[in-house]
C-alpha atoms as a PDB file:
ATOM      1  CA  UNK A   1      40.606 135.589  12.495  1.00  0.00           C
ATOM      2  CA  UNK A   2      38.315 132.942   9.929  1.00  0.00           C
ATOM      3  CA  UNK A   3      37.547 129.445  10.080  1.00  0.00           C
ATOM      4  CA  UNK A   4      37.276 127.048   7.010  1.00  0.00           C
ATOM      5  CA  UNK A   5      34.867 124.415   7.008  1.00  0.00           C
ATOM      6  CA  UNK A   6      35.441 121.287   5.050  1.00  0.00           C
ATOM      7  CA  UNK A   7      32.547 118.971   4.092  1.00  0.00           C
ATOM      8  CA  UNK A   8      34.520 115.513   3.240  1.00  0.00           C
ATOM      9  CA  UNK A   9      32.164 113.138   1.454  1.00  0.00           C
ATOM     10  CA  UNK A  10      33.023 109.433   2.828  1.00  0.00           C
ATOM     11  CA  UNK A  11      32.911 107.602  -0.359  1.00  0.00           C
ATOM     12  CA  UNK A  12      33.850 104.224   1.644  1.00  0.00           C
ATOM     13  CA  UNK A  13      36.459 101.230   0.548  1.00  0.00           C
ATOM     14  CA  UNK A  14      36.795 100.671  -3.419  1.00  0.00           C
ATOM     15  CA  UNK A  15      34.437  98.952  -5.223  1.00  0.00           C
ATOM     16  CA  UNK A  16      35.225  94.622  -4.524  1.00  0.00           C
ATOM     17  CA  UNK A  17      36.442  95.196  -1.254  1.00  0.00           C
ATOM     18  CA  UNK A  18      34.682  95.262   1.518  1.00  0.00           C
ATOM     19  CA  UNK A  19      36.702  96.002   4.473  1.00  0.00           C
ATOM     20  CA  UNK A  20      38.429  99.518   5.406  1.00  0.00           C
ATOM     21  CA  UNK A  21      41.661 100.129   5.660  1.00  0.00           C
ATOM     22  CA  UNK A  22      42.240  98.591   8.666  1.00  0.00           C
ATOM     23  CA  UNK A  23      40.088  95.845   8.761  1.00  0.00           C
ATOM     24  CA  UNK A  24      37.685  96.105  11.571  1.00  0.00           C
ATOM     25  CA  UNK A  25      34.585  98.044   9.544  1.00  0.00           C
ATOM     26  CA  UNK A  26      32.476  97.632   6.599  1.00  0.00           C
ATOM     27  CA  UNK A  27      29.776  99.133   5.094  1.00  0.00           C
ATOM     28  CA  UNK A  28      26.831  97.034   3.900  1.00  0.00           C
ATOM     29  CA  UNK A  29      23.576  98.478   2.760  1.00  0.00           C
ATOM     30  CA  UNK A  30      24.789 102.233   2.570  1.00  0.00           C
ATOM     31  CA  UNK A  31      25.836 102.298   6.422  1.00  0.00           C
ATOM     32  CA  UNK A  32      29.375 101.462   7.967  1.00  0.00           C
ATOM     33  CA  UNK A  33      28.957  98.100  10.749  1.00  0.00           C
ATOM     34  CA  UNK A  34      30.833  97.599  13.047  1.00  0.00           C
ATOM     35  CA  UNK A  35      33.503  94.283  14.104  1.00  0.00           C
ATOM     36  CA  UNK A  36      31.003  92.960  16.400  1.00  0.00           C
ATOM     37  CA  UNK A  37      27.966  92.987  13.895  1.00  0.00           C
ATOM     38  CA  UNK A  38      30.121  91.612  11.041  1.00  0.00           C
ATOM     39  CA  UNK A  39      30.940  88.695  13.608  1.00  0.00           C
ATOM     40  CA  UNK A  40      27.396  88.280  14.338  1.00  0.00           C
ATOM     41  CA  UNK A  41      26.526  88.100  10.967  1.00  0.00           C
ATOM     42  CA  UNK A  42      29.886  85.937   9.263  1.00  0.00           C
ATOM     43  CA  UNK A  43      28.537  83.331  12.023  1.00  0.00           C
ATOM     44  CA  UNK A  44      24.620  83.238  10.481  1.00  0.00           C
ATOM     45  CA  UNK A  45      25.938  82.702   7.554  1.00  0.00           C
ATOM     46  CA  UNK A  46      27.793  79.983   8.384  1.00  0.00           C
ATOM     47  CA  UNK A  47      24.811  78.537  10.070  1.00  0.00           C
ATOM     48  CA  UNK A  48      23.327  79.196   6.994  1.00  0.00           C
ATOM     49  CA  UNK A  49      25.810  77.759   4.975  1.00  0.00           C
ATOM     50  CA  UNK A  50      26.154  74.085   6.931  1.00  0.00           C
ATOM     51  CA  UNK A  51      22.313  73.540   7.362  1.00  0.00           C
ATOM     52  CA  UNK A  52      22.235  73.714   3.383  1.00  0.00           C
ATOM     53  CA  UNK A  53      25.436  71.367   3.326  1.00  0.00           C
ATOM     54  CA  UNK A  54      23.636  69.052   5.210  1.00  0.00           C
ATOM     55  CA  UNK A  55      20.128  69.005   3.330  1.00  0.00           C
ATOM     56  CA  UNK A  56      21.500  67.474   0.567  1.00  0.00           C
ATOM     57  CA  UNK A  57      23.251  64.285   2.261  1.00  0.00           C
ATOM     58  CA  UNK A  58      19.615  63.331   4.506  1.00  0.00           C
ATOM     59  CA  UNK A  59      18.111  63.710   0.617  1.00  0.00           C
ATOM     60  CA  UNK A  60      21.150  61.599  -1.155  1.00  0.00           C
ATOM     61  CA  UNK A  61      20.022  58.443   1.798  1.00  0.00           C
ATOM     62  CA  UNK A  62      16.494  57.600   0.545  1.00  0.00           C
ATOM     63  CA  UNK A  63      17.533  58.176  -2.934  1.00  0.00           C
ATOM     64  CA  UNK A  64      20.712  55.882  -2.389  1.00  0.00           C
ATOM     65  CA  UNK A  65      18.060  53.359  -0.850  1.00  0.00           C
ATOM     66  CA  UNK A  66      15.979  53.306  -3.992  1.00  0.00           C
ATOM     67  CA  UNK A  67      18.863  52.929  -6.809  1.00  0.00           C
ATOM     68  CA  UNK A  68      20.244  49.389  -4.552  1.00  0.00           C
ATOM     69  CA  UNK A  69      16.965  47.945  -4.295  1.00  0.00           C
ATOM     70  CA  UNK A  70      16.352  48.437  -8.050  1.00  0.00           C
ATOM     71  CA  UNK A  71      19.581  47.250  -8.713  1.00  0.00           C
ATOM     72  CA  UNK A  72      18.802  44.080  -6.593  1.00  0.00           C
ATOM     73  CA  UNK A  73      15.077  43.702  -8.407  1.00  0.00           C
ATOM     74  CA  UNK A  74      16.938  43.400 -11.922  1.00  0.00           C
ATOM     75  CA  UNK A  75      19.509  41.344 -10.593  1.00  0.00           C
ATOM     76  CA  UNK A  76      17.027  38.838  -9.496  1.00  0.00           C
ATOM     77  CA  UNK A  77      15.690  38.947 -12.509  1.00  0.00           C
ATOM     78  CA  UNK A  78      18.276  38.507 -14.801  1.00  0.00           C
ATOM     79  CA  UNK A  79      19.149  35.324 -12.435  1.00  0.00           C
ATOM     80  CA  UNK A  80      15.452  33.726 -13.224  1.00  0.00           C
ATOM     81  CA  UNK A  81      15.329  34.551 -16.879  1.00  0.00           C
ATOM     82  CA  UNK A  82      18.386  32.593 -17.183  1.00  0.00           C
ATOM     83  CA  UNK A  83      17.855  29.793 -15.064  1.00  0.00           C
ATOM     84  CA  UNK A  84      14.367  29.823 -17.201  1.00  0.00           C
ATOM     85  CA  UNK A  85      16.420  30.043 -20.329  1.00  0.00           C
ATOM     86  CA  UNK A  86      18.514  26.941 -18.740  1.00  0.00           C
ATOM     87  CA  UNK A  87      15.979  24.887 -17.674  1.00  0.00           C
ATOM     88  CA  UNK A  88      15.186  22.255 -20.755  1.00  0.00           C
ATOM     89  CA  UNK A  89      11.824  22.217 -22.187  1.00  0.00           C
ATOM     90  CA  UNK A  90       9.878  18.809 -21.432  1.00  0.00           C
ATOM     91  CA  UNK A  91       8.473  16.899 -24.315  1.00  0.00           C
ATOM     92  CA  UNK A  92       5.094  17.370 -24.819  1.00  0.00           C
ATOM     93  CA  UNK A  93       3.789  13.537 -24.835  1.00  0.00           C
ATOM     94  CA  UNK A  94       1.422  12.433 -28.149  1.00  0.00           C
ATOM     95  CA  UNK A  95      -1.590  10.145 -27.463  1.00  0.00           C
ATOM     96  CA  UNK A  96       0.076   7.487 -28.340  1.00  0.00           C
ATOM     97  CA  UNK A  97       3.152   7.641 -25.914  1.00  0.00           C
ATOM     98  CA  UNK A  98       0.644   8.102 -23.826  1.00  0.00           C
ATOM     99  CA  UNK A  99      -1.640   4.680 -24.860  1.00  0.00           C
ATOM    100  CA  UNK A 100       2.093   2.357 -24.384  1.00  0.00           C
ATOM    101  CA  UNK A 101       2.687   3.525 -21.293  1.00  0.00           C
ATOM    102  CA  UNK A 102      -0.648   3.043 -19.916  1.00  0.00           C
ATOM    103  CA  UNK A 103      -0.696  -0.652 -21.677  1.00  0.00           C
ATOM    104  CA  UNK A 104       2.688  -0.860 -20.052  1.00  0.00           C
ATOM    105  CA  UNK A 105       1.028  -0.412 -16.856  1.00  0.00           C
ATOM    106  CA  UNK A 106      -1.567  -2.612 -17.169  1.00  0.00           C
ATOM    107  CA  UNK A 107       0.826  -5.425 -17.676  1.00  0.00           C
ATOM    108  CA  UNK A 108       2.657  -4.956 -14.073  1.00  0.00           C
ATOM    109  CA  UNK A 109      -0.456  -5.195 -12.320  1.00  0.00           C
ATOM    110  CA  UNK A 110      -0.459  -9.023 -11.397  1.00  0.00           C
ATOM    111  CA  UNK A 111      -3.805 -10.556 -12.644  1.00  0.00           C
ATOM    112  CA  UNK A 112      -5.481 -12.045  -9.436  1.00  0.00           C
ATOM    113  CA  UNK A 113      -7.430 -15.273  -9.536  1.00  0.00           C
ATOM    114  CA  UNK A 114     -10.820 -13.790 -10.020  1.00  0.00           C
ATOM    115  CA  UNK A 115      -9.455 -12.250 -13.067  1.00  0.00           C
ATOM    116  CA  UNK A 116      -7.885 -15.311 -14.730  1.00  0.00           C
ATOM    117  CA  UNK A 117     -10.543 -17.670 -13.908  1.00  0.00           C
ATOM    118  CA  UNK A 118     -13.501 -14.829 -15.329  1.00  0.00           C
ATOM    119  CA  UNK A 119     -11.832 -14.934 -18.917  1.00  0.00           C
ATOM    120  CA  UNK A 120     -11.454 -18.511 -19.010  1.00  0.00           C
ATOM    121  CA  UNK A 121     -13.324 -22.231 -18.848  1.00  0.00           C
ATOM    122  CA  UNK A 122     -13.487 -24.402 -15.368  1.00  0.00           C
ATOM    123  CA  UNK A 123     -11.608 -27.444 -15.972  1.00  0.00           C
ATOM    124  CA  UNK A 124     -12.625 -30.779 -14.330  1.00  0.00           C
ATOM    125  CA  UNK A 125      -9.743 -31.599 -11.431  1.00  0.00           C
ATOM    126  CA  UNK A 126      -7.210 -34.525 -11.844  1.00  0.00           C
ATOM    127  CA  UNK A 127      -4.200 -36.096  -9.876  1.00  0.00           C
ATOM    128  CA  UNK A 128      -1.812 -34.470 -11.334  1.00  0.00           C
ATOM    129  CA  UNK A 129      -3.276 -31.332  -9.838  1.00  0.00           C
ATOM    130  CA  UNK A 130      -3.380 -32.223  -6.299  1.00  0.00           C
ATOM    131  CA  UNK A 131       0.709 -33.457  -6.549  1.00  0.00           C
ATOM    132  CA  UNK A 132       1.665 -30.163  -8.326  1.00  0.00           C
ATOM    133  CA  UNK A 133       0.245 -28.059  -5.218  1.00  0.00           C
ATOM    134  CA  UNK A 134       1.691 -30.511  -3.023  1.00  0.00           C
ATOM    135  CA  UNK A 135       5.352 -30.405  -4.730  1.00  0.00           C
ATOM    136  CA  UNK A 136       4.604 -26.327  -5.237  1.00  0.00           C
ATOM    137  CA  UNK A 137       4.470 -25.948  -1.290  1.00  0.00           C
ATOM    138  CA  UNK A 138       7.021 -28.211  -0.060  1.00  0.00           C
ATOM    139  CA  UNK A 139       9.585 -27.112  -2.482  1.00  0.00           C
ATOM    140  CA  UNK A 140      11.080 -24.422  -0.341  1.00  0.00           C
ATOM    141  CA  UNK A 141      10.379 -26.803   3.471  1.00  0.00           C
ATOM    142  CA  UNK A 142      11.796 -30.216   2.127  1.00  0.00           C
ATOM    143  CA  UNK A 143      14.744 -31.935   0.534  1.00  0.00           C
ATOM    144  CA  UNK A 144      14.670 -33.613  -2.675  1.00  0.00           C
ATOM    145  CA  UNK A 145      14.218 -36.879  -1.265  1.00  0.00           C
ATOM    146  CA  UNK A 146      11.865 -36.059   1.318  1.00  0.00           C
ATOM    147  CA  UNK A 147       9.379 -34.342  -1.657  1.00  0.00           C
ATOM    148  CA  UNK A 148       9.914 -38.016  -3.824  1.00  0.00           C
ATOM    149  CA  UNK A 149       8.165 -39.876  -0.784  1.00  0.00           C
ATOM    150  CA  UNK A 150       5.421 -37.039  -0.727  1.00  0.00           C
ATOM    151  CA  UNK A 151       4.837 -38.203  -3.979  1.00  0.00           C
ATOM    152  CA  UNK A 152       1.395 -40.408  -4.460  1.00  0.00           C
ATOM    153  CA  UNK A 153       0.777 -43.096  -6.796  1.00  0.00           C
ATOM    154  CA  UNK A 154      -1.919 -43.323  -9.354  1.00  0.00           C
ATOM    155  CA  UNK A 155      -3.258 -46.269  -7.010  1.00  0.00           C
ATOM    156  CA  UNK A 156      -3.586 -43.628  -4.344  1.00  0.00           C
ATOM    157  CA  UNK A 157      -6.548 -41.955  -5.922  1.00  0.00           C
ATOM    158  CA  UNK A 158     -10.268 -42.410  -7.304  1.00  0.00           C
ATOM    159  CA  UNK A 159     -11.905 -41.512 -10.709  1.00  0.00           C
ATOM    160  CA  UNK A 160     -12.436 -37.759 -10.523  1.00  0.00           C
ATOM    161  CA  UNK A 161     -15.701 -35.686 -11.253  1.00  0.00           C
ATOM    162  CA  UNK A 162     -16.153 -34.552 -14.571  1.00  0.00           C
ATOM    163  CA  UNK A 163     -18.771 -31.522 -13.955  1.00  0.00           C
ATOM    164  CA  UNK A 164     -21.628 -33.127 -14.601  1.00  0.00           C
ATOM    165  CA  UNK A 165     -22.292 -35.559 -11.197  1.00  0.00           C
ATOM    166  CA  UNK A 166     -23.536 -34.127  -7.989  1.00  0.00           C
ATOM    167  CA  UNK A 167     -21.956 -35.047  -5.027  1.00  0.00           C
ATOM    168  CA  UNK A 168     -24.468 -37.805  -4.575  1.00  0.00           C
ATOM    169  CA  UNK A 169     -24.016 -39.384  -8.169  1.00  0.00           C
ATOM    170  CA  UNK A 170     -20.075 -39.227  -7.720  1.00  0.00           C
ATOM    171  CA  UNK A 171     -20.053 -40.994  -4.340  1.00  0.00           C
ATOM    172  CA  UNK A 172     -22.385 -44.124  -6.198  1.00  0.00           C
ATOM    173  CA  UNK A 173     -19.412 -43.920  -8.574  1.00  0.00           C
ATOM    174  CA  UNK A 174     -16.769 -44.553  -6.804  1.00  0.00           C
ATOM    175  CA  UNK A 175     -18.316 -45.891  -3.616  1.00  0.00           C
ATOM    176  CA  UNK A 176     -20.523 -48.612  -5.258  1.00  0.00           C
ATOM    177  CA  UNK A 177     -20.659 -51.131  -1.921  1.00  0.00           C
ATOM    178  CA  UNK A 178     -21.309 -48.372   0.012  1.00  0.00           C
ATOM    179  CA  UNK A 179     -23.876 -50.380   1.537  1.00  0.00           C
ATOM    180  CA  UNK A 180     -21.666 -53.381   2.339  1.00  0.00           C
ATOM    181  CA  UNK A 181     -19.051 -50.699   3.996  1.00  0.00           C
ATOM    182  CA  UNK A 182     -21.375 -48.882   5.992  1.00  0.00           C
ATOM    183  CA  UNK A 183     -23.176 -51.337   7.924  1.00  0.00           C
ATOM    184  CA  UNK A 184     -19.415 -53.291   9.150  1.00  0.00           C
ATOM    185  CA  UNK A 185     -18.612 -49.893  10.460  1.00  0.00           C
ATOM    186  CA  UNK A 186     -19.307 -50.024  14.766  1.00  0.00           C
ATOM    187  CA  UNK A 187     -16.090 -48.056  15.100  1.00  0.00           C
ATOM    188  CA  UNK A 188     -17.131 -44.389  17.388  1.00  0.00           C
ATOM    189  CA  UNK A 189     -15.023 -41.653  16.645  1.00  0.00           C
ATOM    190  CA  UNK A 190     -14.256 -42.384  13.445  1.00  0.00           C
ATOM    191  CA  UNK A 191     -15.814 -41.816  10.192  1.00  0.00           C
ATOM    192  CA  UNK A 192     -15.406 -44.145   6.963  1.00  0.00           C
ATOM    193  CA  UNK A 193     -16.292 -41.026   4.182  1.00  0.00           C
ATOM    194  CA  UNK A 194     -14.427 -37.687   4.733  1.00  0.00           C
ATOM    195  CA  UNK A 195     -15.885 -34.772   2.947  1.00  0.00           C
ATOM    196  CA  UNK A 196     -13.361 -32.026   3.059  1.00  0.00           C
ATOM    197  CA  UNK A 197     -14.949 -27.928   2.380  1.00  0.00           C
ATOM    198  CA  UNK A 198     -13.645 -24.916   2.189  1.00  0.00           C
ATOM    199  CA  UNK A 199     -16.050 -23.107   4.465  1.00  0.00           C
ATOM    200  CA  UNK A 200     -19.383 -23.664   6.688  1.00  0.00           C
ATOM    201  CA  UNK A 201     -21.459 -22.851   4.414  1.00  0.00           C
ATOM    202  CA  UNK A 202     -20.277 -24.872   1.810  1.00  0.00           C
ATOM    203  CA  UNK A 203     -20.562 -28.019   4.605  1.00  0.00           C
ATOM    204  CA  UNK A 204     -24.268 -27.571   5.335  1.00  0.00           C
ATOM    205  CA  UNK A 205     -25.309 -27.361   1.264  1.00  0.00           C
ATOM    206  CA  UNK A 206     -22.860 -30.593   0.852  1.00  0.00           C
ATOM    207  CA  UNK A 207     -24.543 -32.681   3.132  1.00  0.00           C
ATOM    208  CA  UNK A 208     -27.755 -31.519   2.011  1.00  0.00           C
ATOM    209  CA  UNK A 209     -26.515 -32.939  -1.405  1.00  0.00           C
ATOM    210  CA  UNK A 210     -25.759 -36.061   0.207  1.00  0.00           C
ATOM    211  CA  UNK A 211     -29.725 -36.945   1.201  1.00  0.00           C
ATOM    212  CA  UNK A 212     -30.049 -39.990  -1.510  1.00  0.00           C
ATOM    213  CA  UNK A 213     -26.403 -41.309  -1.326  1.00  0.00           C
ATOM    214  CA  UNK A 214     -26.540 -41.896   2.690  1.00  0.00           C
ATOM    215  CA  UNK A 215     -29.624 -43.256   3.480  1.00  0.00           C
ATOM    216  CA  UNK A 216     -29.555 -44.095   6.867  1.00  0.00           C
ATOM    217  CA  UNK A 217     -26.014 -44.059   7.613  1.00  0.00           C
ATOM    218  CA  UNK A 218     -25.298 -41.222  10.128  1.00  0.00           C
ATOM    219  CA  UNK A 219     -23.036 -37.499   8.680  1.00  0.00           C
ATOM    220  CA  UNK A 220     -21.627 -34.939  10.591  1.00  0.00           C
ATOM    221  CA  UNK A 221     -20.752 -31.039  10.704  1.00  0.00           C
ATOM    222  CA  UNK A 222     -17.201 -30.203  10.937  1.00  0.00           C
ATOM    223  CA  UNK A 223     -16.774 -27.021  11.217  1.00  0.00           C
ATOM    224  CA  UNK A 224     -15.380 -24.090  13.741  1.00  0.00           C
ATOM    225  CA  UNK A 225     -18.692 -21.689  12.864  1.00  0.00           C
ATOM    226  CA  UNK A 226     -21.204 -21.567  15.941  1.00  0.00           C
ATOM    227  CA  UNK A 227     -19.622 -25.345  17.367  1.00  0.00           C
ATOM    228  CA  UNK A 228     -17.021 -25.459  20.091  1.00  0.00           C
ATOM    229  CA  UNK A 229     -14.520 -28.314  19.228  1.00  0.00           C
ATOM    230  CA  UNK A 230     -15.494 -29.826  22.747  1.00  0.00           C
ATOM    231  CA  UNK A 231     -19.045 -30.359  21.513  1.00  0.00           C
ATOM    232  CA  UNK A 232     -18.172 -32.189  18.833  1.00  0.00           C
ATOM    233  CA  UNK A 233     -15.648 -34.028  20.044  1.00  0.00           C
ATOM    234  CA  UNK A 234     -18.916 -35.341  22.489  1.00  0.00           C
ATOM    235  CA  UNK A 235     -21.377 -36.345  19.665  1.00  0.00           C
ATOM    236  CA  UNK A 236     -18.319 -38.269  17.778  1.00  0.00           C
ATOM    237  CA  UNK A 237     -18.119 -39.987  21.185  1.00  0.00           C
ATOM    238  CA  UNK A 238     -21.763 -40.326  21.702  1.00  0.00           C
ATOM    239  CA  UNK A 239     -22.464 -43.213  18.644  1.00  0.00           C
ATOM    240  CA  UNK A 240     -21.289 -44.363  15.166  1.00  0.00           C
ATOM    241  CA  UNK A 241     -20.584 -41.693  12.189  1.00  0.00           C
ATOM    242  CA  UNK A 242     -20.340 -42.981   9.067  1.00  0.00           C
ATOM    243  CA  UNK A 243     -19.978 -39.262   6.938  1.00  0.00           C
ATOM    244  CA  UNK A 244     -17.988 -36.142   8.260  1.00  0.00           C
ATOM    245  CA  UNK A 245     -18.125 -33.363   6.141  1.00  0.00           C
ATOM    246  CA  UNK A 246     -16.019 -29.942   6.937  1.00  0.00           C
ATOM    247  CA  UNK A 247     -13.401 -27.647   6.831  1.00  0.00           C
ATOM    248  CA  UNK A 248      -9.831 -28.445   7.165  1.00  0.00           C
ATOM    249  CA  UNK A 249      -8.934 -26.534  10.171  1.00  0.00           C
ATOM    250  CA  UNK A 250     -11.744 -27.864  12.098  1.00  0.00           C
ATOM    251  CA  UNK A 251     -10.872 -31.395  10.416  1.00  0.00           C
ATOM    252  CA  UNK A 252      -7.040 -31.311  11.464  1.00  0.00           C
ATOM    253  CA  UNK A 253      -7.699 -29.754  15.161  1.00  0.00           C
ATOM    254  CA  UNK A 254      -9.913 -32.649  15.787  1.00  0.00           C
ATOM    255  CA  UNK A 255      -7.200 -35.175  14.514  1.00  0.00           C
ATOM    256  CA  UNK A 256      -4.886 -33.926  16.804  1.00  0.00           C
ATOM    257  CA  UNK A 257      -6.689 -33.675  19.917  1.00  0.00           C
ATOM    258  CA  UNK A 258      -7.925 -37.376  19.555  1.00  0.00           C
ATOM    259  CA  UNK A 259     -11.257 -36.572  18.856  1.00  0.00           C
ATOM    260  CA  UNK A 260     -11.512 -37.816  15.129  1.00  0.00           C
ATOM    261  CA  UNK A 261      -9.301 -41.232  14.335  1.00  0.00           C
ATOM    262  CA  UNK A 262      -8.633 -41.909  11.078  1.00  0.00           C
ATOM    263  CA  UNK A 263      -8.377 -45.646  11.419  1.00  0.00           C
ATOM    264  CA  UNK A 264     -11.501 -46.584   9.999  1.00  0.00           C
ATOM    265  CA  UNK A 265     -11.363 -44.200   7.215  1.00  0.00           C
ATOM    266  CA  UNK A 266     -11.494 -45.621   3.657  1.00  0.00           C
ATOM    267  CA  UNK A 267     -12.247 -41.949   1.149  1.00  0.00           C
ATOM    268  CA  UNK A 268     -11.294 -38.840   1.495  1.00  0.00           C
ATOM    269  CA  UNK A 269     -13.386 -36.893  -0.909  1.00  0.00           C
ATOM    270  CA  UNK A 270     -11.927 -32.866  -1.976  1.00  0.00           C
ATOM    271  CA  UNK A 271     -14.280 -30.371  -2.840  1.00  0.00           C
ATOM    272  CA  UNK A 272     -11.878 -29.335  -5.355  1.00  0.00           C
ATOM    273  CA  UNK A 273     -14.094 -28.223  -8.399  1.00  0.00           C
ATOM    274  CA  UNK A 274     -15.940 -25.944  -6.450  1.00  0.00           C
ATOM    275  CA  UNK A 275     -15.840 -21.878  -6.781  1.00  0.00           C
ATOM    276  CA  UNK A 276     -16.875 -19.224  -4.616  1.00  0.00           C
ATOM    277  CA  UNK A 277     -17.956 -15.740  -5.470  1.00  0.00           C
ATOM    278  CA  UNK A 278     -14.878 -14.867  -6.040  1.00  0.00           C
ATOM    279  CA  UNK A 279     -14.035 -17.459  -7.623  1.00  0.00           C
ATOM    280  CA  UNK A 280     -11.622 -19.063  -5.901  1.00  0.00           C
ATOM    281  CA  UNK A 281     -11.451 -23.085  -4.891  1.00  0.00           C
ATOM    282  CA  UNK A 282     -10.650 -24.434  -1.754  1.00  0.00           C
ATOM    283  CA  UNK A 283      -6.838 -24.401  -2.521  1.00  0.00           C
ATOM    284  CA  UNK A 284      -6.594 -21.078  -3.948  1.00  0.00           C
ATOM    285  CA  UNK A 285      -7.758 -19.618  -0.106  1.00  0.00           C
ATOM    286  CA  UNK A 286      -4.043 -19.188   1.988  1.00  0.00           C
ATOM    287  CA  UNK A 287      -5.590 -20.111   4.745  1.00  0.00           C
ATOM    288  CA  UNK A 288      -7.538 -23.053   3.707  1.00  0.00           C
ATOM    289  CA  UNK A 289      -4.642 -24.422   1.520  1.00  0.00           C
ATOM    290  CA  UNK A 290      -2.350 -24.162   4.981  1.00  0.00           C
ATOM    291  CA  UNK A 291      -5.298 -25.812   6.437  1.00  0.00           C
ATOM    292  CA  UNK A 292      -4.906 -29.067   3.879  1.00  0.00           C
ATOM    293  CA  UNK A 293      -1.689 -29.346   3.572  1.00  0.00           C
ATOM    294  CA  UNK A 294      -1.837 -30.229   7.542  1.00  0.00           C
ATOM    295  CA  UNK A 295      -4.579 -32.406   7.616  1.00  0.00           C
ATOM    296  CA  UNK A 296      -2.661 -33.873   4.788  1.00  0.00           C
ATOM    297  CA  UNK A 297       0.560 -34.464   6.591  1.00  0.00           C
ATOM    298  CA  UNK A 298      -1.788 -35.604   9.950  1.00  0.00           C
ATOM    299  CA  UNK A 299      -1.615 -38.983   8.544  1.00  0.00           C
ATOM    300  CA  UNK A 300      -3.513 -38.836   5.547  1.00  0.00           C
ATOM    301  CA  UNK A 301      -0.939 -39.221   3.293  1.00  0.00           C
ATOM    302  CA  UNK A 302       0.656 -41.860   4.798  1.00  0.00           C
ATOM    303  CA  UNK A 303      -2.995 -44.070   5.200  1.00  0.00           C
ATOM    304  CA  UNK A 304      -2.710 -43.497   1.104  1.00  0.00           C
ATOM    305  CA  UNK A 305       0.668 -44.756   0.454  1.00  0.00           C
ATOM    306  CA  UNK A 306      -0.509 -48.090   2.963  1.00  0.00           C
ATOM    307  CA  UNK A 307      -3.065 -48.619   0.716  1.00  0.00           C
ATOM    308  CA  UNK A 308      -6.176 -48.029   2.803  1.00  0.00           C
ATOM    309  CA  UNK A 309      -7.211 -44.559   1.946  1.00  0.00           C
ATOM    310  CA  UNK A 310      -8.390 -43.557  -1.533  1.00  0.00           C
ATOM    311  CA  UNK A 311      -8.738 -39.855  -2.524  1.00  0.00           C
ATOM    312  CA  UNK A 312     -11.449 -38.618  -5.105  1.00  0.00           C
ATOM    313  CA  UNK A 313     -11.193 -34.965  -6.051  1.00  0.00           C
ATOM    314  CA  UNK A 314     -15.031 -33.884  -6.782  1.00  0.00           C
END
């Protein structure tokens, strides 16, 4: 019996196909794979594909952020540029404009008494100066009728100092009968001659200048510095005093406390023309001016109208 052996070469599936006729096996790298091996390789390939798909998405997030930040920065720059273009450029001031502005500022500044008097020559006082000062002070405090009553006649005033006199020479001129007057005075707590000035130091200066005029008469200092008002009241009550020199504040305080009487007063001399280091007169200092007005209202104006007191501006 004769047997035949037939060798069959397996060529595999046709080119372009991956599975055999039942779809369960495939040839890979010259080797036939089973179904299980095919499934394993397919799962690993799917995982690789998913990982590849994920990677570009992860990379795009920071790239997107960079793009967004770049866009916002560009937008802000554009806005800033537009705002700068909209702003109107300031005009550059010329030297003439600056000087004009500085002059306007200087004009607005109020000139002080010192500035005014430093550039002007001193003028001797006159009765109209006292009248105008009193009318300005009482303009908003008294009625028109009351202001008229406060006005003094020219006969109430002595001749004013023409800036050539010392205190003694001026008093000799306005009080020619002083020797007789001072002998007739015998009342305590009162004076015949009252000199009003702005400060304690000025009071001491004026008392020194009285030496040639007063003779044997007694003068008293009437200011608040280092002297209690009670001590001054005792001094006035102790003996007869002819001349009182002091500040309006202390004099009016003594009158209020009845330590000083105006019954014997005949002459009121105002140290009007004298100026301090700041070139201020007695009535230019606000607190002294108020005290002086108070002193005038305490009985001086009444005595002038009754022709008992004469006012002199030294």
